[in-house]
């Protein structure tokens, strides 16, 4: 099943690149596709590990991790400019 999901993701990315080219819009759309694919993958992982609670808690947990990552990345950029 995992290989099927990976192949599906590769086909989606290839199709978007063919249609939109390598413009800024394509990068935005690809970023959204990647985010959705990661979220769906984490949703399946949460369902596999903790069934109901995994499905219920994966969205806030993912959002928290993303915000912490953004904060750390921004902090590193600020330190580099000083």
C-alpha atoms as a PDB file:
ATOM      1  CA  UNK A   1       0.000   0.000   0.000  1.00  0.00           C
ATOM      2  CA  UNK A   2       2.848   2.365   0.811  1.00  0.00           C
ATOM      3  CA  UNK A   3       4.372   1.982  -2.640  1.00  0.00           C
ATOM      4  CA  UNK A   4       0.978   2.738  -4.163  1.00  0.00           C
ATOM      5  CA  UNK A   5       0.755   5.983  -2.153  1.00  0.00           C
ATOM      6  CA  UNK A   6       4.303   6.969  -3.165  1.00  0.00           C
ATOM      7  CA  UNK A   7       3.561   6.270  -6.844  1.00  0.00           C
ATOM      8  CA  UNK A   8       0.338   8.260  -6.606  1.00  0.00           C
ATOM      9  CA  UNK A   9       2.217  11.192  -5.060  1.00  0.00           C
ATOM     10  CA  UNK A  10       4.887  11.073  -7.782  1.00  0.00           C
ATOM     11  CA  UNK A  11       2.218  11.079 -10.488  1.00  0.00           C
ATOM     12  CA  UNK A  12       0.401  14.022  -8.912  1.00  0.00           C
ATOM     13  CA  UNK A  13       3.610  16.053  -8.670  1.00  0.00           C
ATOM     14  CA  UNK A  14       4.605  15.195 -12.251  1.00  0.00           C
ATOM     15  CA  UNK A  15       1.163  16.173 -13.548  1.00  0.00           C
ATOM     16  CA  UNK A  16       1.209  19.505 -11.728  1.00  0.00           C
ATOM     17  CA  UNK A  17       4.699  20.293 -13.019  1.00  0.00           C
ATOM     18  CA  UNK A  18       3.611  19.480 -16.585  1.00  0.00           C
ATOM     19  CA  UNK A  19       0.532  21.692 -16.381  1.00  0.00           C
ATOM     20  CA  UNK A  20       1.968  24.667 -14.500  1.00  0.00           C
ATOM     21  CA  UNK A  21       5.642  24.517 -15.383  1.00  0.00           C
ATOM     22  CA  UNK A  22       8.238  25.797 -12.942  1.00  0.00           C
ATOM     23  CA  UNK A  23       6.564  29.062 -12.008  1.00  0.00           C
ATOM     24  CA  UNK A  24       5.986  30.446  -8.531  1.00  0.00           C
ATOM     25  CA  UNK A  25       2.420  29.233  -8.773  1.00  0.00           C
ATOM     26  CA  UNK A  26       3.661  25.697  -9.380  1.00  0.00           C
ATOM     27  CA  UNK A  27       5.847  25.886  -6.284  1.00  0.00           C
ATOM     28  CA  UNK A  28       2.875  27.043  -4.218  1.00  0.00           C
ATOM     29  CA  UNK A  29       0.641  24.265  -5.505  1.00  0.00           C
ATOM     30  CA  UNK A  30       3.377  21.665  -5.020  1.00  0.00           C
ATOM     31  CA  UNK A  31       3.862  22.903  -1.458  1.00  0.00           C
ATOM     32  CA  UNK A  32       0.158  22.466  -0.772  1.00  0.00           C
ATOM     33  CA  UNK A  33       0.131  19.008  -2.342  1.00  0.00           C
ATOM     34  CA  UNK A  34       3.100  17.975  -0.234  1.00  0.00           C
ATOM     35  CA  UNK A  35       1.427  19.322   2.914  1.00  0.00           C
ATOM     36  CA  UNK A  36      -1.794  17.433   2.196  1.00  0.00           C
ATOM     37  CA  UNK A  37       0.034  14.214   1.381  1.00  0.00           C
ATOM     38  CA  UNK A  38       2.061  14.457   4.586  1.00  0.00           C
ATOM     39  CA  UNK A  39      -1.092  15.154   6.607  1.00  0.00           C
ATOM     40  CA  UNK A  40      -2.937  12.200   5.075  1.00  0.00           C
ATOM     41  CA  UNK A  41       0.065   9.980   5.724  1.00  0.00           C
ATOM     42  CA  UNK A  42       0.175  11.118   9.352  1.00  0.00           C
ATOM     43  CA  UNK A  43      -3.570  10.560   9.615  1.00  0.00           C
ATOM     44  CA  UNK A  44      -3.118   6.947   8.531  1.00  0.00           C
ATOM     45  CA  UNK A  45      -0.184   6.562  10.918  1.00  0.00           C
ATOM     46  CA  UNK A  46      -2.225   7.964  13.801  1.00  0.00           C
ATOM     47  CA  UNK A  47      -5.112   5.639  12.960  1.00  0.00           C
ATOM     48  CA  UNK A  48      -2.751   2.672  12.834  1.00  0.00           C
ATOM     49  CA  UNK A  49      -1.060   3.472  16.133  1.00  0.00           C
ATOM     50  CA  UNK A  50      -3.914   4.746  18.311  1.00  0.00           C
ATOM     51  CA  UNK A  51      -7.097   4.188  16.249  1.00  0.00           C
ATOM     52  CA  UNK A  52      -9.720   6.779  17.329  1.00  0.00           C
ATOM     53  CA  UNK A  53      -7.433   8.921  19.475  1.00  0.00           C
ATOM     54  CA  UNK A  54      -4.765   8.918  16.810  1.00  0.00           C
ATOM     55  CA  UNK A  55      -7.214  10.258  14.231  1.00  0.00           C
ATOM     56  CA  UNK A  56      -8.531  12.828  16.693  1.00  0.00           C
ATOM     57  CA  UNK A  57      -5.152  14.128  17.877  1.00  0.00           C
ATOM     58  CA  UNK A  58      -3.045  14.034  14.707  1.00  0.00           C
ATOM     59  CA  UNK A  59      -4.227  17.417  13.332  1.00  0.00           C
ATOM     60  CA  UNK A  60      -3.372  19.521  16.412  1.00  0.00           C
ATOM     61  CA  UNK A  61      -0.151  17.573  16.940  1.00  0.00           C
ATOM     62  CA  UNK A  62       0.925  18.154  13.338  1.00  0.00           C
ATOM     63  CA  UNK A  63       0.053  21.869  13.537  1.00  0.00           C
ATOM     64  CA  UNK A  64       2.071  22.208  16.746  1.00  0.00           C
ATOM     65  CA  UNK A  65       5.108  20.533  15.199  1.00  0.00           C
ATOM     66  CA  UNK A  66       4.879  22.743  12.106  1.00  0.00           C
ATOM     67  CA  UNK A  67       4.674  25.920  14.205  1.00  0.00           C
ATOM     68  CA  UNK A  68       7.657  24.877  16.318  1.00  0.00           C
ATOM     69  CA  UNK A  69       9.622  24.180  13.126  1.00  0.00           C
ATOM     70  CA  UNK A  70       8.708  27.619  11.709  1.00  0.00           C
ATOM     71  CA  UNK A  71       9.748  29.315  14.967  1.00  0.00           C
ATOM     72  CA  UNK A  72      13.104  27.534  15.094  1.00  0.00           C
ATOM     73  CA  UNK A  73      13.782  28.238  11.410  1.00  0.00           C
ATOM     74  CA  UNK A  74      12.937  31.935  11.891  1.00  0.00           C
ATOM     75  CA  UNK A  75      15.159  32.119  14.990  1.00  0.00           C
ATOM     76  CA  UNK A  76      18.082  30.648  13.073  1.00  0.00           C
ATOM     77  CA  UNK A  77      17.611  33.150  10.232  1.00  0.00           C
ATOM     78  CA  UNK A  78      17.538  36.069  12.691  1.00  0.00           C
ATOM     79  CA  UNK A  79      20.754  34.868  14.362  1.00  0.00           C
ATOM     80  CA  UNK A  80      22.495  34.564  10.990  1.00  0.00           C
ATOM     81  CA  UNK A  81      21.658  38.154  10.022  1.00  0.00           C
ATOM     82  CA  UNK A  82      23.031  39.603  13.277  1.00  0.00           C
END
